[in-house]
PDB file of N, CA and C in Angstrom:
ATOM      1  N   MET A   1       5.169 -12.821  -0.805  1.00  0.00           N
ATOM      2  CA  MET A   1       5.495 -11.488  -0.339  1.00  0.00           C
ATOM      3  C   MET A   1       5.918 -11.573   1.127  1.00  0.00           C
ATOM      4  N   THR A   2       6.964 -10.857   1.456  1.00  0.00           N
ATOM      5  CA  THR A   2       7.399 -10.811   2.851  1.00  0.00           C
ATOM      6  C   THR A   2       6.860  -9.548   3.506  1.00  0.00           C
ATOM      7  N   ILE A   3       6.929  -9.519   4.799  1.00  0.00           N
ATOM      8  CA  ILE A   3       6.453  -8.345   5.532  1.00  0.00           C
ATOM      9  C   ILE A   3       7.281  -7.107   5.184  1.00  0.00           C
ATOM     10  N   PHE A   4       8.513  -7.311   4.725  1.00  0.00           N
ATOM     11  CA  PHE A   4       9.355  -6.183   4.351  1.00  0.00           C
ATOM     12  C   PHE A   4       8.855  -5.504   3.076  1.00  0.00           C
ATOM     13  N   ALA A   5       8.056  -6.214   2.276  1.00  0.00           N
ATOM     14  CA  ALA A   5       7.488  -5.639   1.055  1.00  0.00           C
ATOM     15  C   ALA A   5       6.237  -4.807   1.335  1.00  0.00           C
ATOM     16  N   LEU A   6       5.704  -4.920   2.540  1.00  0.00           N
ATOM     17  CA  LEU A   6       4.511  -4.144   2.902  1.00  0.00           C
ATOM     18  C   LEU A   6       4.896  -2.696   3.196  1.00  0.00           C
ATOM     19  N   SER A   7       3.942  -1.817   3.036  1.00  0.00           N
ATOM     20  CA  SER A   7       4.165  -0.418   3.418  1.00  0.00           C
ATOM     21  C   SER A   7       4.092  -0.295   4.940  1.00  0.00           C
ATOM     22  N   GLY A   8       4.592   0.800   5.453  1.00  0.00           N
ATOM     23  CA  GLY A   8       4.491   1.055   6.888  1.00  0.00           C
ATOM     24  C   GLY A   8       3.041   1.091   7.346  1.00  0.00           C
ATOM     25  N   PHE A   9       2.169   1.657   6.517  1.00  0.00           N
ATOM     26  CA  PHE A   9       0.740   1.712   6.837  1.00  0.00           C
ATOM     27  C   PHE A   9       0.170   0.297   6.955  1.00  0.00           C
ATOM     28  N   GLN A  10       0.551  -0.581   6.048  1.00  0.00           N
ATOM     29  CA  GLN A  10       0.065  -1.964   6.096  1.00  0.00           C
ATOM     30  C   GLN A  10       0.587  -2.693   7.324  1.00  0.00           C
ATOM     31  N   ARG A  11       1.831  -2.443   7.695  1.00  0.00           N
ATOM     32  CA  ARG A  11       2.364  -3.054   8.922  1.00  0.00           C
ATOM     33  C   ARG A  11       1.634  -2.514  10.145  1.00  0.00           C
ATOM     34  N   ASP A  12       1.300  -1.230  10.142  1.00  0.00           N
ATOM     35  CA  ASP A  12       0.524  -0.661  11.243  1.00  0.00           C
ATOM     36  C   ASP A  12      -0.846  -1.334  11.337  1.00  0.00           C
ATOM     37  N   LEU A  13      -1.457  -1.598  10.194  1.00  0.00           N
ATOM     38  CA  LEU A  13      -2.744  -2.304  10.196  1.00  0.00           C
ATOM     39  C   LEU A  13      -2.613  -3.670  10.849  1.00  0.00           C
ATOM     40  N   LEU A  14      -1.554  -4.393  10.533  1.00  0.00           N
ATOM     41  CA  LEU A  14      -1.338  -5.713  11.152  1.00  0.00           C
ATOM     42  C   LEU A  14      -1.241  -5.600  12.665  1.00  0.00           C
ATOM     43  N   ILE A  15      -0.522  -4.600  13.132  1.00  0.00           N
ATOM     44  CA  ILE A  15      -0.343  -4.427  14.574  1.00  0.00           C
ATOM     45  C   ILE A  15      -1.673  -4.125  15.252  1.00  0.00           C
ATOM     46  N   VAL A  16      -2.473  -3.259  14.651  1.00  0.00           N
ATOM     47  CA  VAL A  16      -3.786  -2.929  15.225  1.00  0.00           C
ATOM     48  C   VAL A  16      -4.684  -4.161  15.236  1.00  0.00           C
ATOM     49  N   ILE A  17      -4.707  -4.906  14.148  1.00  0.00           N
ATOM     50  CA  ILE A  17      -5.535  -6.114  14.083  1.00  0.00           C
ATOM     51  C   ILE A  17      -5.092  -7.121  15.127  1.00  0.00           C
ATOM     52  N   ALA A  18      -3.786  -7.253  15.321  1.00  0.00           N
ATOM     53  CA  ALA A  18      -3.255  -8.209  16.301  1.00  0.00           C
ATOM     54  C   ALA A  18      -3.692  -7.869  17.717  1.00  0.00           C
ATOM     55  N   ASP A  19      -3.988  -6.598  17.950  1.00  0.00           N
ATOM     56  CA  ASP A  19      -4.336  -6.136  19.295  1.00  0.00           C
ATOM     57  C   ASP A  19      -5.816  -6.328  19.632  1.00  0.00           C
ATOM     58  N   HIS A  20      -6.588  -6.860  18.703  1.00  0.00           N
ATOM     59  CA  HIS A  20      -8.034  -7.021  18.895  1.00  0.00           C
ATOM     60  C   HIS A  20      -8.485  -8.432  18.540  1.00  0.00           C
ATOM     61  N   ASP A  21      -9.668  -8.760  18.991  1.00  0.00           N
ATOM     62  CA  ASP A  21     -10.306 -10.018  18.627  1.00  0.00           C
ATOM     63  C   ASP A  21     -11.342  -9.736  17.537  1.00  0.00           C
ATOM     64  N   GLN A  22     -10.967  -9.974  16.305  1.00  0.00           N
ATOM     65  CA  GLN A  22     -11.829  -9.786  15.147  1.00  0.00           C
ATOM     66  C   GLN A  22     -12.424  -8.377  15.061  1.00  0.00           C
ATOM     67  N   PRO A  23     -11.566  -7.358  14.937  1.00  0.00           N
ATOM     68  CA  PRO A  23     -12.083  -5.993  14.833  1.00  0.00           C
ATOM     69  C   PRO A  23     -12.743  -5.739  13.485  1.00  0.00           C
ATOM     70  N   SER A  24     -13.703  -4.839  13.483  1.00  0.00           N
ATOM     71  CA  SER A  24     -14.317  -4.390  12.233  1.00  0.00           C
ATOM     72  C   SER A  24     -13.385  -3.366  11.583  1.00  0.00           C
ATOM     73  N   GLY A  25     -13.642  -3.054  10.330  1.00  0.00           N
ATOM     74  CA  GLY A  25     -12.868  -2.025   9.659  1.00  0.00           C
ATOM     75  C   GLY A  25     -12.960  -0.695  10.384  1.00  0.00           C
ATOM     76  N   GLN A  26     -14.144  -0.369  10.910  1.00  0.00           N
ATOM     77  CA  GLN A  26     -14.323   0.889  11.634  1.00  0.00           C
ATOM     78  C   GLN A  26     -13.508   0.916  12.932  1.00  0.00           C
ATOM     79  N   GLN A  27     -13.427  -0.217  13.627  1.00  0.00           N
ATOM     80  CA  GLN A  27     -12.602  -0.274  14.841  1.00  0.00           C
ATOM     81  C   GLN A  27     -11.132  -0.081  14.503  1.00  0.00           C
ATOM     82  N   ILE A  28     -10.685  -0.730  13.432  1.00  0.00           N
ATOM     83  CA  ILE A  28      -9.296  -0.592  12.991  1.00  0.00           C
ATOM     84  C   ILE A  28      -9.018   0.863  12.625  1.00  0.00           C
ATOM     85  N   LYS A  29      -9.917   1.458  11.872  1.00  0.00           N
ATOM     86  CA  LYS A  29      -9.775   2.854  11.452  1.00  0.00           C
ATOM     87  C   LYS A  29      -9.661   3.780  12.659  1.00  0.00           C
ATOM     88  N   ALA A  30     -10.542   3.618  13.632  1.00  0.00           N
ATOM     89  CA  ALA A  30     -10.534   4.488  14.818  1.00  0.00           C
ATOM     90  C   ALA A  30      -9.227   4.342  15.597  1.00  0.00           C
ATOM     91  N   ASP A  31      -8.767   3.120  15.810  1.00  0.00           N
ATOM     92  CA  ASP A  31      -7.518   2.904  16.549  1.00  0.00           C
ATOM     93  C   ASP A  31      -6.316   3.475  15.810  1.00  0.00           C
ATOM     94  N   LEU A  32      -6.297   3.278  14.512  1.00  0.00           N
ATOM     95  CA  LEU A  32      -5.179   3.777  13.723  1.00  0.00           C
ATOM     96  C   LEU A  32      -5.170   5.307  13.675  1.00  0.00           C
ATOM     97  N   GLU A  33      -6.354   5.914  13.588  1.00  0.00           N
ATOM     98  CA  GLU A  33      -6.427   7.375  13.612  1.00  0.00           C
ATOM     99  C   GLU A  33      -5.914   7.913  14.938  1.00  0.00           C
ATOM    100  N   ASP A  34      -6.255   7.245  16.042  1.00  0.00           N
ATOM    101  CA  ASP A  34      -5.760   7.677  17.351  1.00  0.00           C
ATOM    102  C   ASP A  34      -4.242   7.541  17.433  1.00  0.00           C
ATOM    103  N   ALA A  35      -3.725   6.415  16.973  1.00  0.00           N
ATOM    104  CA  ALA A  35      -2.285   6.152  17.079  1.00  0.00           C
ATOM    105  C   ALA A  35      -1.474   7.070  16.165  1.00  0.00           C
ATOM    106  N   ARG A  36      -1.968   7.307  14.983  1.00  0.00           N
ATOM    107  CA  ARG A  36      -1.226   8.101  13.994  1.00  0.00           C
ATOM    108  C   ARG A  36      -1.573   9.583  14.046  1.00  0.00           C
ATOM    109  N   ASP A  37      -2.599   9.941  14.814  1.00  0.00           N
ATOM    110  CA  ASP A  37      -3.055  11.326  14.935  1.00  0.00           C
ATOM    111  C   ASP A  37      -3.326  11.946  13.563  1.00  0.00           C
ATOM    112  N   GLU A  38      -4.040  11.195  12.735  1.00  0.00           N
ATOM    113  CA  GLU A  38      -4.433  11.679  11.413  1.00  0.00           C
ATOM    114  C   GLU A  38      -5.721  10.979  10.990  1.00  0.00           C
ATOM    115  N   GLU A  39      -6.455  11.627  10.115  1.00  0.00           N
ATOM    116  CA  GLU A  39      -7.682  11.029   9.607  1.00  0.00           C
ATOM    117  C   GLU A  39      -7.340  10.045   8.487  1.00  0.00           C
ATOM    118  N   ILE A  40      -7.988   8.911   8.509  1.00  0.00           N
ATOM    119  CA  ILE A  40      -7.770   7.887   7.489  1.00  0.00           C
ATOM    120  C   ILE A  40      -9.087   7.666   6.763  1.00  0.00           C
ATOM    121  N   ASN A  41      -9.073   7.841   5.453  1.00  0.00           N
ATOM    122  CA  ASN A  41     -10.314   7.683   4.706  1.00  0.00           C
ATOM    123  C   ASN A  41     -10.491   6.235   4.237  1.00  0.00           C
ATOM    124  N   HIS A  42     -11.713   5.921   3.890  1.00  0.00           N
ATOM    125  CA  HIS A  42     -12.042   4.554   3.476  1.00  0.00           C
ATOM    126  C   HIS A  42     -11.274   4.135   2.232  1.00  0.00           C
ATOM    127  N   GLY A  43     -11.005   5.095   1.350  1.00  0.00           N
ATOM    128  CA  GLY A  43     -10.283   4.809   0.122  1.00  0.00           C
ATOM    129  C   GLY A  43      -8.845   4.393   0.347  1.00  0.00           C
ATOM    130  N   ARG A  44      -8.328   4.683   1.510  1.00  0.00           N
ATOM    131  CA  ARG A  44      -6.977   4.235   1.878  1.00  0.00           C
ATOM    132  C   ARG A  44      -7.040   2.963   2.714  1.00  0.00           C
ATOM    133  N   LEU A  45      -7.983   2.914   3.634  1.00  0.00           N
ATOM    134  CA  LEU A  45      -8.071   1.807   4.573  1.00  0.00           C
ATOM    135  C   LEU A  45      -8.386   0.473   3.892  1.00  0.00           C
ATOM    136  N   TYR A  46      -9.500   0.422   3.199  1.00  0.00           N
ATOM    137  CA  TYR A  46      -9.981  -0.868   2.714  1.00  0.00           C
ATOM    138  C   TYR A  46      -9.126  -1.487   1.607  1.00  0.00           C
ATOM    139  N   PRO A  47      -8.574  -0.710   0.672  1.00  0.00           N
ATOM    140  CA  PRO A  47      -7.659  -1.336  -0.291  1.00  0.00           C
ATOM    141  C   PRO A  47      -6.421  -1.934   0.388  1.00  0.00           C
ATOM    142  N   ASN A  48      -5.930  -1.285   1.442  1.00  0.00           N
ATOM    143  CA  ASN A  48      -4.774  -1.816   2.154  1.00  0.00           C
ATOM    144  C   ASN A  48      -5.137  -3.054   2.964  1.00  0.00           C
ATOM    145  N   LEU A  49      -6.335  -3.085   3.543  1.00  0.00           N
ATOM    146  CA  LEU A  49      -6.790  -4.305   4.206  1.00  0.00           C
ATOM    147  C   LEU A  49      -6.914  -5.444   3.189  1.00  0.00           C
ATOM    148  N   ASP A  50      -7.392  -5.127   1.984  1.00  0.00           N
ATOM    149  CA  ASP A  50      -7.503  -6.144   0.937  1.00  0.00           C
ATOM    150  C   ASP A  50      -6.135  -6.707   0.552  1.00  0.00           C
ATOM    151  N   VAL A  51      -5.119  -5.867   0.516  1.00  0.00           N
ATOM    152  CA  VAL A  51      -3.756  -6.348   0.235  1.00  0.00           C
ATOM    153  C   VAL A  51      -3.347  -7.370   1.294  1.00  0.00           C
ATOM    154  N   LEU A  52      -3.631  -7.069   2.553  1.00  0.00           N
ATOM    155  CA  LEU A  52      -3.264  -7.983   3.634  1.00  0.00           C
ATOM    156  C   LEU A  52      -4.039  -9.291   3.546  1.00  0.00           C
ATOM    157  N   VAL A  53      -5.289  -9.223   3.126  1.00  0.00           N
ATOM    158  CA  VAL A  53      -6.088 -10.440   2.921  1.00  0.00           C
ATOM    159  C   VAL A  53      -5.505 -11.240   1.760  1.00  0.00           C
ATOM    160  N   ASN A  54      -5.171 -10.559   0.673  1.00  0.00           N
ATOM    161  CA  ASN A  54      -4.651 -11.237  -0.516  1.00  0.00           C
ATOM    162  C   ASN A  54      -3.267 -11.837  -0.316  1.00  0.00           C
ATOM    163  N   THR A  55      -2.509 -11.323   0.651  1.00  0.00           N
ATOM    164  CA  THR A  55      -1.186 -11.881   0.954  1.00  0.00           C
ATOM    165  C   THR A  55      -1.258 -12.953   2.035  1.00  0.00           C
ATOM    166  N   ASP A  56      -2.476 -13.264   2.473  1.00  0.00           N
ATOM    167  CA  ASP A  56      -2.719 -14.294   3.494  1.00  0.00           C
ATOM    168  C   ASP A  56      -2.181 -13.938   4.875  1.00  0.00           C
ATOM    169  N   TYR A  57      -1.985 -12.651   5.133  1.00  0.00           N
ATOM    170  CA  TYR A  57      -1.622 -12.222   6.481  1.00  0.00           C
ATOM    171  C   TYR A  57      -2.854 -11.997   7.345  1.00  0.00           C
ATOM    172  N   VAL A  58      -3.982 -11.729   6.688  1.00  0.00           N
ATOM    173  CA  VAL A  58      -5.224 -11.407   7.386  1.00  0.00           C
ATOM    174  C   VAL A  58      -6.362 -12.188   6.743  1.00  0.00           C
ATOM    175  N   GLU A  59      -7.267 -12.622   7.597  1.00  0.00           N
ATOM    176  CA  GLU A  59      -8.488 -13.267   7.130  1.00  0.00           C
ATOM    177  C   GLU A  59      -9.646 -12.307   7.340  1.00  0.00           C
ATOM    178  N   LYS A  60     -10.528 -12.245   6.354  1.00  0.00           N
ATOM    179  CA  LYS A  60     -11.690 -11.373   6.449  1.00  0.00           C
ATOM    180  C   LYS A  60     -12.938 -12.240   6.555  1.00  0.00           C
ATOM    181  N   GLY A  61     -13.790 -11.911   7.509  1.00  0.00           N
ATOM    182  CA  GLY A  61     -15.043 -12.628   7.686  1.00  0.00           C
ATOM    183  C   GLY A  61     -16.185 -11.634   7.793  1.00  0.00           C
ATOM    184  N   GLN A  62     -17.374 -12.148   7.899  1.00  0.00           N
ATOM    185  CA  GLN A  62     -18.548 -11.286   7.915  1.00  0.00           C
ATOM    186  C   GLN A  62     -19.213 -11.314   9.289  1.00  0.00           C
ATOM    187  N   ILE A  63     -19.433 -10.139   9.867  1.00  0.00           N
ATOM    188  CA  ILE A  63     -20.179  -9.999  11.115  1.00  0.00           C
ATOM    189  C   ILE A  63     -21.671  -9.962  10.799  1.00  0.00           C
ATOM    190  N   ASP A  64     -22.027  -9.109   9.850  1.00  0.00           N
ATOM    191  CA  ASP A  64     -23.401  -9.035   9.347  1.00  0.00           C
ATOM    192  C   ASP A  64     -23.327  -8.614   7.890  1.00  0.00           C
ATOM    193  N   ARG A  65     -24.440  -8.296   7.291  1.00  0.00           N
ATOM    194  CA  ARG A  65     -24.454  -8.007   5.856  1.00  0.00           C
ATOM    195  C   ARG A  65     -23.630  -6.790   5.471  1.00  0.00           C
ATOM    196  N   ARG A  66     -23.394  -5.891   6.420  1.00  0.00           N
ATOM    197  CA  ARG A  66     -22.678  -4.648   6.113  1.00  0.00           C
ATOM    198  C   ARG A  66     -21.308  -4.548   6.769  1.00  0.00           C
ATOM    199  N   THR A  67     -20.999  -5.457   7.670  1.00  0.00           N
ATOM    200  CA  THR A  67     -19.796  -5.303   8.475  1.00  0.00           C
ATOM    201  C   THR A  67     -18.915  -6.542   8.384  1.00  0.00           C
ATOM    202  N   ASN A  68     -17.651  -6.321   8.076  1.00  0.00           N
ATOM    203  CA  ASN A  68     -16.668  -7.401   8.060  1.00  0.00           C
ATOM    204  C   ASN A  68     -15.776  -7.303   9.282  1.00  0.00           C
ATOM    205  N   TYR A  69     -15.188  -8.428   9.635  1.00  0.00           N
ATOM    206  CA  TYR A  69     -14.149  -8.429  10.668  1.00  0.00           C
ATOM    207  C   TYR A  69     -12.849  -8.871  10.025  1.00  0.00           C
ATOM    208  N   TYR A  70     -11.761  -8.574  10.708  1.00  0.00           N
ATOM    209  CA  TYR A  70     -10.427  -8.922  10.229  1.00  0.00           C
ATOM    210  C   TYR A  70      -9.689  -9.623  11.357  1.00  0.00           C
ATOM    211  N   GLU A  71      -8.898 -10.614  10.980  1.00  0.00           N
ATOM    212  CA  GLU A  71      -8.179 -11.411  11.972  1.00  0.00           C
ATOM    213  C   GLU A  71      -6.854 -11.862  11.370  1.00  0.00           C
ATOM    214  N   LEU A  72      -5.788 -11.803  12.176  1.00  0.00           N
ATOM    215  CA  LEU A  72      -4.499 -12.273  11.686  1.00  0.00           C
ATOM    216  C   LEU A  72      -4.547 -13.776  11.446  1.00  0.00           C
ATOM    217  N   THR A  73      -3.908 -14.200  10.378  1.00  0.00           N
ATOM    218  CA  THR A  73      -3.722 -15.627  10.129  1.00  0.00           C
ATOM    219  C   THR A  73      -2.448 -16.074  10.840  1.00  0.00           C
ATOM    220  N   ASP A  74      -2.189 -17.361  10.832  1.00  0.00           N
ATOM    221  CA  ASP A  74      -0.926 -17.851  11.393  1.00  0.00           C
ATOM    222  C   ASP A  74       0.257 -17.221  10.665  1.00  0.00           C
ATOM    223  N   GLU A  75       0.125 -17.083   9.352  1.00  0.00           N
ATOM    224  CA  GLU A  75       1.195 -16.464   8.571  1.00  0.00           C
ATOM    225  C   GLU A  75       1.394 -15.002   8.968  1.00  0.00           C
ATOM    226  N   GLY A  76       0.315 -14.301   9.242  1.00  0.00           N
ATOM    227  CA  GLY A  76       0.405 -12.914   9.681  1.00  0.00           C
ATOM    228  C   GLY A  76       1.070 -12.782  11.040  1.00  0.00           C
ATOM    229  N   ARG A  77       0.711 -13.670  11.967  1.00  0.00           N
ATOM    230  CA  ARG A  77       1.343 -13.651  13.301  1.00  0.00           C
ATOM    231  C   ARG A  77       2.837 -13.954  13.191  1.00  0.00           C
ATOM    232  N   THR A  78       3.181 -14.929  12.355  1.00  0.00           N
ATOM    233  CA  THR A  78       4.587 -15.277  12.155  1.00  0.00           C
ATOM    234  C   THR A  78       5.353 -14.107  11.549  1.00  0.00           C
ATOM    235  N   ALA A  79       4.769 -13.456  10.555  1.00  0.00           N
ATOM    236  CA  ALA A  79       5.417 -12.317   9.907  1.00  0.00           C
ATOM    237  C   ALA A  79       5.662 -11.179  10.898  1.00  0.00           C
ATOM    238  N   LEU A  80       4.672 -10.888  11.737  1.00  0.00           N
ATOM    239  CA  LEU A  80       4.854  -9.834  12.749  1.00  0.00           C
ATOM    240  C   LEU A  80       5.943 -10.204  13.746  1.00  0.00           C
ATOM    241  N   ARG A  81       5.945 -11.453  14.184  1.00  0.00           N
ATOM    242  CA  ARG A  81       6.969 -11.897  15.133  1.00  0.00           C
ATOM    243  C   ARG A  81       8.363 -11.796  14.511  1.00  0.00           C
ATOM    244  N   GLU A  82       8.507 -12.232  13.262  1.00  0.00           N
ATOM    245  CA  GLU A  82       9.801 -12.153  12.596  1.00  0.00           C
ATOM    246  C   GLU A  82      10.245 -10.710  12.411  1.00  0.00           C
ATOM    247  N   ARG A  83       9.306  -9.822  12.120  1.00  0.00           N
ATOM    248  CA  ARG A  83       9.643  -8.407  11.973  1.00  0.00           C
ATOM    249  C   ARG A  83      10.135  -7.841  13.302  1.00  0.00           C
ATOM    250  N   ARG A  84       9.452  -8.164  14.391  1.00  0.00           N
ATOM    251  CA  ARG A  84       9.881  -7.680  15.716  1.00  0.00           C
ATOM    252  C   ARG A  84      11.268  -8.206  16.069  1.00  0.00           C
ATOM    253  N   GLU A  85      11.513  -9.483  15.765  1.00  0.00           N
ATOM    254  CA  GLU A  85      12.827 -10.063  16.045  1.00  0.00           C
ATOM    255  C   GLU A  85      13.908  -9.361  15.232  1.00  0.00           C
ATOM    256  N   TRP A  86      13.605  -9.069  13.961  1.00  0.00           N
ATOM    257  CA  TRP A  86      14.562  -8.366  13.113  1.00  0.00           C
ATOM    258  C   TRP A  86      14.839  -6.976  13.669  1.00  0.00           C
ATOM    259  N   GLU A  87      13.787  -6.256  14.090  1.00  0.00           N
ATOM    260  CA  GLU A  87      13.962  -4.914  14.646  1.00  0.00           C
ATOM    261  C   GLU A  87      14.828  -4.956  15.896  1.00  0.00           C
ATOM    262  N   GLU A  88      14.571  -5.927  16.779  1.00  0.00           N
ATOM    263  CA  GLU A  88      15.362  -6.041  18.007  1.00  0.00           C
ATOM    264  C   GLU A  88      16.824  -6.335  17.686  1.00  0.00           C
ATOM    265  N   GLN A  89      17.067  -7.234  16.740  1.00  0.00           N
ATOM    266  CA  GLN A  89      18.437  -7.571  16.354  1.00  0.00           C
ATOM    267  C   GLN A  89      19.122  -6.358  15.731  1.00  0.00           C
ATOM    268  N   TYR A  90      18.412  -5.652  14.873  1.00  0.00           N
ATOM    269  CA  TYR A  90      18.974  -4.477  14.209  1.00  0.00           C
ATOM    270  C   TYR A  90      19.341  -3.400  15.234  1.00  0.00           C
ATOM    271  N   LEU A  91      18.451  -3.186  16.189  1.00  0.00           N
ATOM    272  CA  LEU A  91      18.732  -2.172  17.216  1.00  0.00           C
ATOM    273  C   LEU A  91      19.922  -2.573  18.080  1.00  0.00           C
ATOM    274  N   ARG A  92      20.033  -3.855  18.417  1.00  0.00           N
ATOM    275  CA  ARG A  92      21.198  -4.320  19.195  1.00  0.00           C
ATOM    276  C   ARG A  92      22.485  -4.103  18.412  1.00  0.00           C
ATOM    277  N   GLU A  93      22.460  -4.442  17.130  1.00  0.00           N
ATOM    278  CA  GLU A  93      23.677  -4.317  16.308  1.00  0.00           C
ATOM    279  C   GLU A  93      24.081  -2.853  16.141  1.00  0.00           C
ATOM    280  N   THR A  94      23.120  -1.978  15.940  1.00  0.00           N
ATOM    281  CA  THR A  94      23.470  -0.567  15.767  1.00  0.00           C
ATOM    282  C   THR A  94      23.917   0.062  17.083  1.00  0.00           C
ATOM    283  N   ALA A  95      23.415  -0.454  18.201  1.00  0.00           N
ATOM    284  CA  ALA A  95      23.847   0.067  19.501  1.00  0.00           C
ATOM    285  C   ALA A  95      25.288  -0.340  19.798  1.00  0.00           C
ATOM    286  N   LEU A  96      25.699  -1.478  19.265  1.00  0.00           N
ATOM    287  CA  LEU A  96      27.065  -1.947  19.487  1.00  0.00           C
ATOM    288  C   LEU A  96      28.059  -1.302  18.558  1.00  0.00           C
ATOM    289  N   ALA A  97      27.588  -0.733  17.486  1.00  0.00           N
ATOM    290  CA  ALA A  97      28.509  -0.166  16.461  1.00  0.00           C
ATOM    291  C   ALA A  97      29.085   1.162  16.910  1.00  0.00           C
TER     292      ALA A  97
END
């Protein structure tokens, strides 16, 4: 799966995770709610985090028995970088048109 197959919400999750050192799901949720100015429920958050784990963009670990952390993998960092490069190239091309 490429980053282009992810939803915008999933790409936003990657960006939030990249901005932290092993954030918990609650930290990710709080940051995303602030950035998107909307409430995000657990039923939306955790299944989407699981998609990112299953695509090997994110690694999930355990802080304690009730709390997990999330961290970008090398593949996740590469995917984000490639997406940013594509966006920059696309914006340059459309500005020249």
